[in-house]
Amino acid sequence: MTDRSTPLGPSGLTRDAGFEIGVSRTIDLPIARVRAYLTSEQGVRRWLGEGLKLPASPGDLYATADGTTGEVRSFHPENRIRLTWQPAGWDHPTTLQVAVGDRGGRTLLRFHSERLANSAERSAQRAHWEGVMGDVLDDLRAAIGT
C-alpha cells in the first residue's frame, strides 16, 4: 500500500504529531466488557505484549518480553489509555492511544499511533495495528461464543 499525497503533503502527515494512523472498529459488545478485556492480562498481552501487567499511573514505565518499552502518559480506564511505545531496535518512541466509546449499545474500539517517522513506518504500523485489532476481536468473539 502506498500513501497518497495531497496538496498538503503525504497522507497521514500532521503538522504537530508527524505521521499517524488510526485503526477502529465498532462492535456489538457492551463497552464495559471491552474495557475489562483490554485491561485484563490476556488483553494486555494481545495489544501491548507479553510479560507485564498494565501500568496504570502516569509516569509508570513498562517493558515487554520482546523489548518494547514505554511510559504511561494518561490512564482513564473508562475510555482511554495513552502511552509511549517504542519497539526494540527503534531509535524513537511513538505515542499510542487505545480508546473505547459507547455508540448506542455498541462499542467503538480504536488504536491510534502518532509520531511515526515516515510513510513507510506508517504503513508498517497500520498493518501491525490492523493485525492487533483482528486478534482482539477474535478474543472477544471467542469469549462470548460467537
N, C-alpha and C. Protein backbone atom coordinates (compact mmCIF):
# COMPACT_ATOMS: atom_id res chain seq x y z
N MET A 1 0.84 -1.17 0.00
CA MET A 1 0.00 0.00 0.00
C MET A 1 0.89 1.24 0.00
N THR A 2 0.60 2.17 -0.84
CA THR A 2 1.37 3.41 -0.87
C THR A 2 0.50 4.54 -0.38
N ASP A 3 1.14 5.53 0.21
CA ASP A 3 0.42 6.70 0.69
C ASP A 3 0.09 7.60 -0.48
N ARG A 4 -1.08 8.21 -0.43
CA ARG A 4 -1.46 9.20 -1.44
C ARG A 4 -1.02 10.56 -0.96
N SER A 5 -0.41 11.31 -1.83
CA SER A 5 -0.05 12.67 -1.47
C SER A 5 -1.21 13.60 -1.75
N THR A 6 -1.29 14.64 -0.96
CA THR A 6 -2.31 15.67 -1.14
C THR A 6 -1.57 16.99 -1.31
N PRO A 7 -2.28 18.05 -1.65
CA PRO A 7 -1.59 19.35 -1.72
C PRO A 7 -0.94 19.75 -0.40
N LEU A 8 -1.41 19.17 0.69
CA LEU A 8 -0.85 19.48 2.00
C LEU A 8 0.34 18.60 2.36
N GLY A 9 0.58 17.55 1.60
CA GLY A 9 1.69 16.64 1.88
C GLY A 9 1.23 15.20 1.85
N PRO A 10 2.10 14.27 2.23
CA PRO A 10 1.76 12.86 2.20
C PRO A 10 0.59 12.53 3.13
N SER A 11 -0.18 11.54 2.75
CA SER A 11 -1.30 11.08 3.57
C SER A 11 -0.80 10.66 4.95
N GLY A 12 -1.51 11.10 5.98
CA GLY A 12 -1.17 10.72 7.35
C GLY A 12 -0.16 11.60 8.02
N LEU A 13 0.35 12.62 7.33
CA LEU A 13 1.32 13.52 7.93
C LEU A 13 0.59 14.70 8.57
N THR A 14 0.85 14.92 9.85
CA THR A 14 0.24 16.03 10.56
C THR A 14 1.29 17.10 10.85
N ARG A 15 0.82 18.27 11.15
CA ARG A 15 1.75 19.37 11.46
C ARG A 15 2.49 19.13 12.76
N ASP A 16 1.79 18.64 13.78
CA ASP A 16 2.38 18.56 15.11
C ASP A 16 2.80 17.16 15.56
N ALA A 17 2.21 16.11 14.98
CA ALA A 17 2.45 14.75 15.50
C ALA A 17 3.14 13.84 14.50
N GLY A 18 3.75 14.39 13.47
CA GLY A 18 4.41 13.54 12.48
C GLY A 18 3.38 12.70 11.75
N PHE A 19 3.80 11.55 11.27
CA PHE A 19 2.87 10.63 10.61
C PHE A 19 2.04 9.92 11.67
N GLU A 20 0.79 9.63 11.32
CA GLU A 20 -0.10 8.95 12.26
C GLU A 20 -1.02 7.99 11.53
N ILE A 21 -1.54 7.03 12.26
CA ILE A 21 -2.55 6.11 11.74
C ILE A 21 -3.57 5.84 12.83
N GLY A 22 -4.74 5.45 12.41
CA GLY A 22 -5.77 5.02 13.34
C GLY A 22 -6.47 3.81 12.77
N VAL A 23 -6.75 2.86 13.62
CA VAL A 23 -7.49 1.66 13.24
C VAL A 23 -8.65 1.57 14.22
N SER A 24 -9.88 1.53 13.72
CA SER A 24 -11.03 1.47 14.62
C SER A 24 -12.09 0.53 14.07
N ARG A 25 -12.87 -0.02 14.99
CA ARG A 25 -14.00 -0.87 14.65
C ARG A 25 -15.10 -0.60 15.66
N THR A 26 -16.34 -0.68 15.20
CA THR A 26 -17.49 -0.63 16.08
C THR A 26 -18.01 -2.05 16.19
N ILE A 27 -18.15 -2.51 17.43
CA ILE A 27 -18.51 -3.92 17.66
C ILE A 27 -19.75 -4.01 18.54
N ASP A 28 -20.46 -5.12 18.39
CA ASP A 28 -21.70 -5.35 19.11
C ASP A 28 -21.44 -5.98 20.48
N LEU A 29 -20.72 -5.26 21.31
CA LEU A 29 -20.47 -5.68 22.68
C LEU A 29 -20.59 -4.47 23.58
N PRO A 30 -21.03 -4.68 24.82
CA PRO A 30 -21.09 -3.55 25.75
C PRO A 30 -19.69 -3.01 26.05
N ILE A 31 -19.61 -1.72 26.23
CA ILE A 31 -18.33 -1.08 26.47
C ILE A 31 -17.63 -1.64 27.71
N ALA A 32 -18.38 -1.97 28.75
CA ALA A 32 -17.78 -2.50 29.97
C ALA A 32 -17.02 -3.79 29.70
N ARG A 33 -17.55 -4.63 28.85
CA ARG A 33 -16.88 -5.90 28.52
C ARG A 33 -15.59 -5.65 27.75
N VAL A 34 -15.62 -4.71 26.82
CA VAL A 34 -14.42 -4.40 26.03
C VAL A 34 -13.35 -3.77 26.92
N ARG A 35 -13.75 -2.84 27.78
CA ARG A 35 -12.80 -2.23 28.72
C ARG A 35 -12.15 -3.28 29.61
N ALA A 36 -12.97 -4.17 30.16
CA ALA A 36 -12.44 -5.21 31.04
C ALA A 36 -11.43 -6.09 30.31
N TYR A 37 -11.72 -6.44 29.07
CA TYR A 37 -10.80 -7.26 28.29
C TYR A 37 -9.48 -6.51 28.04
N LEU A 38 -9.55 -5.25 27.60
CA LEU A 38 -8.34 -4.51 27.25
C LEU A 38 -7.38 -4.35 28.42
N THR A 39 -7.89 -4.31 29.65
CA THR A 39 -7.03 -4.14 30.81
C THR A 39 -6.73 -5.48 31.50
N SER A 40 -7.30 -6.58 30.99
CA SER A 40 -7.03 -7.90 31.55
C SER A 40 -5.64 -8.39 31.11
N GLU A 41 -5.15 -9.40 31.76
CA GLU A 41 -3.85 -9.98 31.40
C GLU A 41 -3.84 -10.43 29.93
N GLN A 42 -4.90 -11.13 29.52
CA GLN A 42 -4.99 -11.60 28.13
C GLN A 42 -5.06 -10.42 27.15
N GLY A 43 -5.86 -9.42 27.46
CA GLY A 43 -5.99 -8.28 26.57
C GLY A 43 -4.69 -7.50 26.43
N VAL A 44 -4.02 -7.24 27.55
CA VAL A 44 -2.75 -6.51 27.52
C VAL A 44 -1.73 -7.29 26.69
N ARG A 45 -1.71 -8.60 26.85
CA ARG A 45 -0.80 -9.43 26.07
C ARG A 45 -1.05 -9.26 24.58
N ARG A 46 -2.33 -9.15 24.19
CA ARG A 46 -2.68 -9.00 22.77
C ARG A 46 -2.26 -7.67 22.19
N TRP A 47 -2.55 -6.57 22.89
CA TRP A 47 -2.31 -5.27 22.26
C TRP A 47 -0.99 -4.62 22.66
N LEU A 48 -0.44 -4.97 23.82
CA LEU A 48 0.79 -4.33 24.25
C LEU A 48 1.98 -5.29 24.21
N GLY A 49 1.77 -6.52 24.60
CA GLY A 49 2.85 -7.51 24.54
C GLY A 49 2.92 -8.38 25.78
N GLU A 50 3.72 -9.40 25.67
CA GLU A 50 3.90 -10.38 26.74
C GLU A 50 4.75 -9.80 27.87
N GLY A 51 4.53 -10.32 29.06
CA GLY A 51 5.46 -10.12 30.14
C GLY A 51 5.22 -8.95 31.07
N LEU A 52 4.01 -8.39 31.08
CA LEU A 52 3.80 -7.28 32.01
C LEU A 52 2.35 -7.16 32.40
N LYS A 53 2.16 -6.53 33.54
CA LYS A 53 0.84 -6.10 33.98
C LYS A 53 0.71 -4.66 33.52
N LEU A 54 -0.46 -4.29 33.04
CA LEU A 54 -0.66 -2.95 32.51
C LEU A 54 -0.38 -1.90 33.58
N PRO A 55 0.62 -1.05 33.36
CA PRO A 55 0.85 0.03 34.32
C PRO A 55 -0.29 1.04 34.22
N ALA A 56 -0.66 1.62 35.36
CA ALA A 56 -1.87 2.44 35.37
C ALA A 56 -1.68 3.88 35.83
N SER A 57 -0.48 4.27 36.14
CA SER A 57 -0.28 5.64 36.62
C SER A 57 0.61 6.41 35.65
N PRO A 58 0.25 7.65 35.37
CA PRO A 58 1.11 8.47 34.52
C PRO A 58 2.54 8.47 35.05
N GLY A 59 3.48 8.27 34.15
CA GLY A 59 4.89 8.20 34.52
C GLY A 59 5.39 6.78 34.71
N ASP A 60 4.48 5.80 34.88
CA ASP A 60 4.92 4.41 35.01
C ASP A 60 5.61 3.97 33.73
N LEU A 61 6.74 3.29 33.88
CA LEU A 61 7.48 2.74 32.75
C LEU A 61 7.09 1.28 32.57
N TYR A 62 7.25 0.78 31.36
CA TYR A 62 6.98 -0.63 31.11
C TYR A 62 7.98 -1.16 30.09
N ALA A 63 8.14 -2.48 30.10
CA ALA A 63 8.95 -3.18 29.10
C ALA A 63 8.30 -4.53 28.88
N THR A 64 8.09 -4.89 27.62
CA THR A 64 7.51 -6.18 27.29
C THR A 64 8.61 -7.21 27.10
N ALA A 65 8.24 -8.47 27.03
CA ALA A 65 9.21 -9.55 26.85
C ALA A 65 9.98 -9.41 25.54
N ASP A 66 9.37 -8.79 24.51
CA ASP A 66 10.07 -8.65 23.23
C ASP A 66 10.91 -7.38 23.13
N GLY A 67 10.99 -6.61 24.22
CA GLY A 67 11.84 -5.43 24.24
C GLY A 67 11.16 -4.11 23.93
N THR A 68 9.85 -4.12 23.72
CA THR A 68 9.12 -2.87 23.54
C THR A 68 9.09 -2.15 24.88
N THR A 69 9.36 -0.85 24.86
CA THR A 69 9.38 -0.07 26.09
C THR A 69 8.51 1.18 25.93
N GLY A 70 8.17 1.77 27.05
CA GLY A 70 7.39 2.99 27.00
C GLY A 70 7.06 3.51 28.38
N GLU A 71 6.24 4.56 28.35
CA GLU A 71 5.81 5.23 29.57
C GLU A 71 4.34 5.58 29.46
N VAL A 72 3.59 5.35 30.53
CA VAL A 72 2.18 5.73 30.56
C VAL A 72 2.10 7.24 30.62
N ARG A 73 1.31 7.83 29.75
CA ARG A 73 1.10 9.27 29.75
C ARG A 73 -0.21 9.62 30.45
N SER A 74 -1.27 8.84 30.16
CA SER A 74 -2.53 9.02 30.87
C SER A 74 -3.26 7.69 30.89
N PHE A 75 -4.04 7.48 31.95
CA PHE A 75 -4.77 6.23 32.11
C PHE A 75 -6.16 6.57 32.63
N HIS A 76 -7.13 6.43 31.76
CA HIS A 76 -8.53 6.65 32.10
C HIS A 76 -9.25 5.35 31.75
N PRO A 77 -9.33 4.40 32.69
CA PRO A 77 -9.83 3.06 32.36
C PRO A 77 -11.23 3.05 31.77
N GLU A 78 -11.99 4.11 31.99
CA GLU A 78 -13.35 4.13 31.42
C GLU A 78 -13.33 4.39 29.92
N ASN A 79 -12.26 5.01 29.38
CA ASN A 79 -12.31 5.28 27.94
C ASN A 79 -10.98 5.41 27.21
N ARG A 80 -9.83 5.58 27.89
CA ARG A 80 -8.61 5.85 27.12
C ARG A 80 -7.34 5.55 27.90
N ILE A 81 -6.39 4.96 27.21
CA ILE A 81 -5.04 4.75 27.73
C ILE A 81 -4.09 5.36 26.69
N ARG A 82 -3.20 6.21 27.15
CA ARG A 82 -2.24 6.86 26.25
C ARG A 82 -0.84 6.59 26.81
N LEU A 83 0.05 6.13 25.92
CA LEU A 83 1.39 5.80 26.36
C LEU A 83 2.38 5.96 25.21
N THR A 84 3.66 6.02 25.56
CA THR A 84 4.66 5.96 24.52
C THR A 84 4.91 4.49 24.22
N TRP A 85 5.35 4.22 23.01
CA TRP A 85 5.52 2.84 22.54
C TRP A 85 6.74 2.82 21.64
N GLN A 86 7.77 2.07 22.06
CA GLN A 86 9.00 2.00 21.28
C GLN A 86 9.47 0.56 21.18
N PRO A 87 9.24 -0.07 20.02
CA PRO A 87 9.71 -1.45 19.84
C PRO A 87 11.24 -1.53 19.91
N ALA A 88 11.74 -2.69 20.28
CA ALA A 88 13.19 -2.93 20.30
C ALA A 88 13.76 -2.61 18.92
N GLY A 89 14.88 -1.93 18.92
CA GLY A 89 15.54 -1.60 17.67
C GLY A 89 15.14 -0.26 17.08
N TRP A 90 14.07 0.33 17.55
CA TRP A 90 13.68 1.65 17.06
C TRP A 90 14.49 2.72 17.79
N ASP A 91 14.77 3.81 17.09
CA ASP A 91 15.54 4.90 17.71
C ASP A 91 14.64 6.02 18.24
N HIS A 92 13.33 5.80 18.22
CA HIS A 92 12.40 6.84 18.68
C HIS A 92 11.12 6.20 19.20
N PRO A 93 10.50 6.84 20.18
CA PRO A 93 9.19 6.34 20.63
C PRO A 93 8.08 6.95 19.77
N THR A 94 6.97 6.26 19.74
CA THR A 94 5.74 6.79 19.16
C THR A 94 4.76 6.98 20.31
N THR A 95 3.64 7.59 20.02
CA THR A 95 2.59 7.72 21.02
C THR A 95 1.44 6.84 20.59
N LEU A 96 0.97 6.01 21.49
CA LEU A 96 -0.13 5.09 21.22
C LEU A 96 -1.29 5.44 22.13
N GLN A 97 -2.47 5.47 21.56
CA GLN A 97 -3.68 5.67 22.35
C GLN A 97 -4.64 4.53 22.03
N VAL A 98 -5.16 3.91 23.07
CA VAL A 98 -6.18 2.88 22.95
C VAL A 98 -7.43 3.47 23.57
N ALA A 99 -8.51 3.55 22.79
CA ALA A 99 -9.71 4.22 23.28
C ALA A 99 -10.95 3.38 22.99
N VAL A 100 -11.93 3.50 23.88
CA VAL A 100 -13.23 2.89 23.68
C VAL A 100 -14.29 3.97 23.88
N GLY A 101 -15.40 3.81 23.17
CA GLY A 101 -16.50 4.75 23.30
C GLY A 101 -17.82 4.05 23.07
N ASP A 102 -18.84 4.50 23.75
CA ASP A 102 -20.18 3.94 23.60
C ASP A 102 -20.83 4.50 22.33
N ARG A 103 -21.39 3.63 21.53
CA ARG A 103 -22.09 4.01 20.31
C ARG A 103 -23.48 3.40 20.33
N GLY A 104 -24.29 3.83 21.28
CA GLY A 104 -25.66 3.36 21.38
C GLY A 104 -25.78 1.87 21.66
N GLY A 105 -25.03 1.39 22.64
CA GLY A 105 -25.05 -0.03 22.97
C GLY A 105 -23.98 -0.83 22.26
N ARG A 106 -23.38 -0.26 21.27
CA ARG A 106 -22.24 -0.86 20.58
C ARG A 106 -21.00 -0.13 21.10
N THR A 107 -19.84 -0.68 20.82
CA THR A 107 -18.60 -0.09 21.32
C THR A 107 -17.65 0.22 20.18
N LEU A 108 -17.14 1.43 20.19
CA LEU A 108 -16.09 1.83 19.26
C LEU A 108 -14.76 1.53 19.93
N LEU A 109 -13.90 0.75 19.28
CA LEU A 109 -12.56 0.44 19.75
C LEU A 109 -11.58 1.04 18.76
N ARG A 110 -10.60 1.77 19.28
CA ARG A 110 -9.66 2.47 18.40
C ARG A 110 -8.24 2.37 18.93
N PHE A 111 -7.32 2.06 18.00
CA PHE A 111 -5.88 2.15 18.24
C PHE A 111 -5.39 3.30 17.39
N HIS A 112 -4.71 4.25 17.99
CA HIS A 112 -4.22 5.41 17.26
C HIS A 112 -2.74 5.58 17.59
N SER A 113 -1.91 5.66 16.56
CA SER A 113 -0.47 5.81 16.74
C SER A 113 0.00 7.07 16.02
N GLU A 114 0.79 7.86 16.70
CA GLU A 114 1.32 9.09 16.11
C GLU A 114 2.80 9.21 16.43
N ARG A 115 3.43 10.21 15.83
CA ARG A 115 4.86 10.44 15.94
C ARG A 115 5.65 9.34 15.23
N LEU A 116 5.05 8.84 14.14
CA LEU A 116 5.74 7.87 13.30
C LEU A 116 6.73 8.62 12.41
N ALA A 117 7.85 7.99 12.10
CA ALA A 117 8.97 8.68 11.45
C ALA A 117 8.70 9.04 9.99
N ASN A 118 7.99 8.18 9.27
CA ASN A 118 7.84 8.41 7.82
C ASN A 118 6.68 7.57 7.30
N SER A 119 6.41 7.67 6.01
CA SER A 119 5.27 6.96 5.43
C SER A 119 5.47 5.44 5.45
N ALA A 120 6.72 4.98 5.33
CA ALA A 120 6.96 3.53 5.39
C ALA A 120 6.65 2.99 6.78
N GLU A 121 7.08 3.71 7.80
CA GLU A 121 6.77 3.30 9.17
C GLU A 121 5.26 3.36 9.41
N ARG A 122 4.62 4.36 8.86
CA ARG A 122 3.17 4.49 8.97
C ARG A 122 2.48 3.27 8.36
N SER A 123 2.89 2.87 7.18
CA SER A 123 2.29 1.70 6.52
C SER A 123 2.51 0.43 7.35
N ALA A 124 3.73 0.27 7.86
CA ALA A 124 4.02 -0.91 8.68
C ALA A 124 3.18 -0.91 9.95
N GLN A 125 3.01 0.25 10.56
CA GLN A 125 2.22 0.32 11.79
C GLN A 125 0.74 0.14 11.53
N ARG A 126 0.26 0.59 10.39
CA ARG A 126 -1.14 0.32 10.03
C ARG A 126 -1.36 -1.20 9.98
N ALA A 127 -0.47 -1.91 9.30
CA ALA A 127 -0.59 -3.37 9.21
C ALA A 127 -0.51 -4.00 10.60
N HIS A 128 0.42 -3.52 11.42
CA HIS A 128 0.55 -4.06 12.77
C HIS A 128 -0.73 -3.89 13.57
N TRP A 129 -1.26 -2.66 13.62
CA TRP A 129 -2.44 -2.40 14.45
C TRP A 129 -3.70 -3.01 13.87
N GLU A 130 -3.78 -3.19 12.56
CA GLU A 130 -4.91 -3.93 11.99
C GLU A 130 -4.85 -5.39 12.42
N GLY A 131 -3.64 -5.96 12.46
CA GLY A 131 -3.47 -7.33 12.96
C GLY A 131 -3.85 -7.45 14.42
N VAL A 132 -3.41 -6.49 15.23
CA VAL A 132 -3.76 -6.47 16.65
C VAL A 132 -5.28 -6.38 16.80
N MET A 133 -5.90 -5.49 16.04
CA MET A 133 -7.36 -5.35 16.10
C MET A 133 -8.04 -6.68 15.80
N GLY A 134 -7.59 -7.36 14.77
CA GLY A 134 -8.17 -8.67 14.43
C GLY A 134 -8.03 -9.66 15.57
N ASP A 135 -6.85 -9.71 16.20
CA ASP A 135 -6.63 -10.62 17.32
C ASP A 135 -7.53 -10.28 18.50
N VAL A 136 -7.65 -8.99 18.80
CA VAL A 136 -8.50 -8.55 19.91
C VAL A 136 -9.96 -8.94 19.64
N LEU A 137 -10.43 -8.68 18.43
CA LEU A 137 -11.81 -9.02 18.09
C LEU A 137 -12.03 -10.52 18.13
N ASP A 138 -11.07 -11.31 17.68
CA ASP A 138 -11.18 -12.78 17.77
C ASP A 138 -11.33 -13.22 19.22
N ASP A 139 -10.51 -12.65 20.11
CA ASP A 139 -10.59 -12.99 21.53
C ASP A 139 -11.94 -12.63 22.12
N LEU A 140 -12.43 -11.43 21.80
CA LEU A 140 -13.72 -11.00 22.32
C LEU A 140 -14.86 -11.87 21.81
N ARG A 141 -14.81 -12.23 20.53
CA ARG A 141 -15.86 -13.11 19.97
C ARG A 141 -15.81 -14.50 20.63
N ALA A 142 -14.60 -15.01 20.84
CA ALA A 142 -14.47 -16.33 21.49
C ALA A 142 -15.02 -16.29 22.91
N ALA A 143 -14.81 -15.17 23.59
CA ALA A 143 -15.27 -15.05 24.97
C ALA A 143 -16.79 -15.06 25.08
N ILE A 144 -17.48 -14.61 24.02
CA ILE A 144 -18.94 -14.59 24.07
C ILE A 144 -19.56 -15.72 23.25
N GLY A 145 -18.71 -16.54 22.65
CA GLY A 145 -19.18 -17.73 21.94
C GLY A 145 -19.82 -17.45 20.60
N THR A 146 -19.32 -16.43 19.86
CA THR A 146 -19.85 -16.21 18.51
C THR A 146 -18.84 -16.57 17.46
